[in-house]
Each structure stands twice: as C-alpha cells, then as structure tokens.
Amino acid sequence: MANRVAMTALVLAIAGATGGAHADPAKGDACAGNLSPDGKAIYAAVVAANPTLQTLRDVVTEQTRSLAFNGQISRDTARSNAILAGECMRIRLN
C-alpha cells in the first residue's frame, strides 16, 4: 500500500512538473517584432542557438557578446537589447 501511494505521488509530481510548460514560439516571435534591429539580431541568434529555460541567460550573454564584439550590434545598447530579447525568448520557451 505504501509503495502504491508513493508511486501515485511520484506520477502526480511528474505530471505537475511538465504540465505547466508549453512553448509558444508565435508569442515570442510577436514580442521580438517590437524589438530594435539590434534586439532582433540578438533574438535571432539566441533562437538559432536553441537554448532551454535553464541555459537561456548564458546563451543570451554569449550571443550578445559575440554580436557586439564582431561589430554586428552596438556595444552601447547591447545590454538593454539583450534584456529585452531575452524576455521575448523566455516567452517563446514558456
């Protein structure tokens, strides 16, 4: 009986952990449509890198630095654009 209760609790916990997360690329892309050209470049680079919610921050940082150091986006606004692009990406992944 105790094993059955434990198994039921485990199944419910797993179902609850996966039930709330549904990716919504359309909403993320709609959000990105409102970004500046530099923000859109960051968003596109992050999408191409295919991050998870757990790796999102590191991927946004890595992609933004790469774009800025290669002169593809402005270094002056890289941080603010990265924050906004990251939020759109978070929407895409949720």
C-alpha atoms as a PDB file:
ATOM      1  CA  MET A   1       0.000   0.000   0.000  1.00  0.00           C
ATOM      2  CA  ALA A   2       2.809   2.416   0.875  1.00  0.00           C
ATOM      3  CA  ASN A   3       4.500   1.697  -2.456  1.00  0.00           C
ATOM      4  CA  ARG A   4       1.278   2.437  -4.306  1.00  0.00           C
ATOM      5  CA  VAL A   5       0.861   5.777  -2.516  1.00  0.00           C
ATOM      6  CA  ALA A   6       4.485   6.676  -3.216  1.00  0.00           C
ATOM      7  CA  MET A   7       4.119   5.744  -6.894  1.00  0.00           C
ATOM      8  CA  THR A   8       0.920   7.783  -7.211  1.00  0.00           C
ATOM      9  CA  ALA A   9       2.620  10.784  -5.618  1.00  0.00           C
ATOM     10  CA  LEU A  10       5.570  10.427  -7.983  1.00  0.00           C
ATOM     11  CA  VAL A  11       3.333  10.249 -11.063  1.00  0.00           C
ATOM     12  CA  LEU A  12       1.372  13.311  -9.941  1.00  0.00           C
ATOM     13  CA  ALA A  13       4.571  15.239  -9.256  1.00  0.00           C
ATOM     14  CA  ILE A  14       5.945  14.445 -12.700  1.00  0.00           C
ATOM     15  CA  ALA A  15       2.660  15.373 -14.374  1.00  0.00           C
ATOM     16  CA  GLY A  16       2.565  18.661 -12.488  1.00  0.00           C
ATOM     17  CA  ALA A  17       6.158  19.467 -13.347  1.00  0.00           C
ATOM     18  CA  THR A  18       5.610  19.043 -17.068  1.00  0.00           C
ATOM     19  CA  GLY A  19       2.005  20.157 -17.347  1.00  0.00           C
ATOM     20  CA  GLY A  20       2.588  23.889 -16.948  1.00  0.00           C
ATOM     21  CA  ALA A  21       5.262  24.463 -19.548  1.00  0.00           C
ATOM     22  CA  HIS A  22       4.105  24.855 -23.124  1.00  0.00           C
ATOM     23  CA  ALA A  23       6.389  26.515 -25.624  1.00  0.00           C
ATOM     24  CA  ASP A  24       4.780  29.352 -27.574  1.00  0.00           C
ATOM     25  CA  PRO A  25       7.071  30.391 -30.432  1.00  0.00           C
ATOM     26  CA  ALA A  26       4.392  32.605 -32.007  1.00  0.00           C
ATOM     27  CA  LYS A  27       4.122  34.796 -28.900  1.00  0.00           C
ATOM     28  CA  GLY A  28       7.898  35.029 -28.628  1.00  0.00           C
ATOM     29  CA  ASP A  29       8.198  35.993 -32.275  1.00  0.00           C
ATOM     30  CA  ALA A  30       5.430  38.590 -31.882  1.00  0.00           C
ATOM     31  CA  CYS A  31       7.312  40.069 -28.937  1.00  0.00           C
ATOM     32  CA  ALA A  32      10.531  40.115 -30.967  1.00  0.00           C
ATOM     33  CA  GLY A  33       8.742  42.004 -33.724  1.00  0.00           C
ATOM     34  CA  ASN A  34       8.692  45.016 -31.394  1.00  0.00           C
ATOM     35  CA  LEU A  35      12.447  44.948 -30.752  1.00  0.00           C
ATOM     36  CA  SER A  36      15.006  47.304 -32.252  1.00  0.00           C
ATOM     37  CA  PRO A  37      17.114  45.957 -35.135  1.00  0.00           C
ATOM     38  CA  ASP A  38      19.889  45.075 -32.657  1.00  0.00           C
ATOM     39  CA  GLY A  39      17.379  43.361 -30.368  1.00  0.00           C
ATOM     40  CA  LYS A  40      16.044  41.367 -33.315  1.00  0.00           C
ATOM     41  CA  ALA A  41      19.588  40.296 -34.194  1.00  0.00           C
ATOM     42  CA  ILE A  42      20.146  39.075 -30.632  1.00  0.00           C
ATOM     43  CA  TYR A  43      16.807  37.272 -30.606  1.00  0.00           C
ATOM     44  CA  ALA A  44      17.558  35.553 -33.928  1.00  0.00           C
ATOM     45  CA  ALA A  45      20.988  34.441 -32.711  1.00  0.00           C
ATOM     46  CA  VAL A  46      19.542  33.080 -29.478  1.00  0.00           C
ATOM     47  CA  VAL A  47      16.748  31.224 -31.307  1.00  0.00           C
ATOM     48  CA  ALA A  48      19.364  29.645 -33.583  1.00  0.00           C
ATOM     49  CA  ALA A  49      21.329  28.503 -30.505  1.00  0.00           C
ATOM     50  CA  ASN A  50      18.223  26.627 -29.277  1.00  0.00           C
ATOM     51  CA  PRO A  51      18.520  27.283 -25.518  1.00  0.00           C
ATOM     52  CA  THR A  52      16.410  25.869 -22.721  1.00  0.00           C
ATOM     53  CA  LEU A  53      14.971  27.952 -19.904  1.00  0.00           C
ATOM     54  CA  GLN A  54      17.884  26.727 -17.786  1.00  0.00           C
ATOM     55  CA  THR A  55      20.529  27.876 -20.281  1.00  0.00           C
ATOM     56  CA  LEU A  56      18.759  30.989 -21.571  1.00  0.00           C
ATOM     57  CA  ARG A  57      20.713  33.572 -19.597  1.00  0.00           C
ATOM     58  CA  ASP A  58      24.100  32.138 -20.572  1.00  0.00           C
ATOM     59  CA  VAL A  59      23.097  31.802 -24.224  1.00  0.00           C
ATOM     60  CA  VAL A  60      21.777  35.381 -24.399  1.00  0.00           C
ATOM     61  CA  THR A  61      25.009  36.645 -22.843  1.00  0.00           C
ATOM     62  CA  GLU A  62      27.187  34.586 -25.176  1.00  0.00           C
ATOM     63  CA  GLN A  63      25.303  35.546 -28.330  1.00  0.00           C
ATOM     64  CA  THR A  64      25.125  39.235 -27.400  1.00  0.00           C
ATOM     65  CA  ARG A  65      28.855  39.404 -26.699  1.00  0.00           C
ATOM     66  CA  SER A  66      29.623  37.682 -29.977  1.00  0.00           C
ATOM     67  CA  LEU A  67      27.448  40.084 -31.959  1.00  0.00           C
ATOM     68  CA  ALA A  68      28.850  43.142 -30.158  1.00  0.00           C
ATOM     69  CA  PHE A  69      32.498  42.117 -30.444  1.00  0.00           C
ATOM     70  CA  ASN A  70      32.051  41.389 -34.146  1.00  0.00           C
ATOM     71  CA  GLY A  71      30.531  44.836 -34.712  1.00  0.00           C
ATOM     72  CA  GLN A  72      27.134  43.461 -35.713  1.00  0.00           C
ATOM     73  CA  ILE A  73      25.289  45.339 -32.950  1.00  0.00           C
ATOM     74  CA  SER A  74      26.060  48.463 -30.948  1.00  0.00           C
ATOM     75  CA  ARG A  75      28.079  47.856 -27.803  1.00  0.00           C
ATOM     76  CA  ASP A  76      26.435  50.887 -26.189  1.00  0.00           C
ATOM     77  CA  THR A  77      22.963  49.344 -26.231  1.00  0.00           C
ATOM     78  CA  ALA A  78      23.882  45.654 -26.216  1.00  0.00           C
ATOM     79  CA  ARG A  79      22.893  45.075 -22.595  1.00  0.00           C
ATOM     80  CA  SER A  80      19.477  46.726 -22.803  1.00  0.00           C
ATOM     81  CA  ASN A  81      18.703  44.972 -26.085  1.00  0.00           C
ATOM     82  CA  ALA A  82      19.840  41.643 -24.643  1.00  0.00           C
ATOM     83  CA  ILE A  83      17.468  42.020 -21.702  1.00  0.00           C
ATOM     84  CA  LEU A  84      14.517  42.701 -23.996  1.00  0.00           C
ATOM     85  CA  ALA A  85      15.444  39.930 -26.435  1.00  0.00           C
ATOM     86  CA  GLY A  86      15.870  37.541 -23.506  1.00  0.00           C
ATOM     87  CA  GLU A  87      12.373  38.329 -22.261  1.00  0.00           C
ATOM     88  CA  CYS A  88      10.938  37.600 -25.713  1.00  0.00           C
ATOM     89  CA  MET A  89      12.870  34.345 -25.767  1.00  0.00           C
ATOM     90  CA  ARG A  90      11.540  33.444 -22.326  1.00  0.00           C
ATOM     91  CA  ILE A  91       8.013  33.981 -23.691  1.00  0.00           C
ATOM     92  CA  ARG A  92       8.886  31.737 -26.651  1.00  0.00           C
ATOM     93  CA  LEU A  93      10.072  28.969 -24.333  1.00  0.00           C
ATOM     94  CA  ASN A  94       7.193  29.170 -21.837  1.00  0.00           C
END
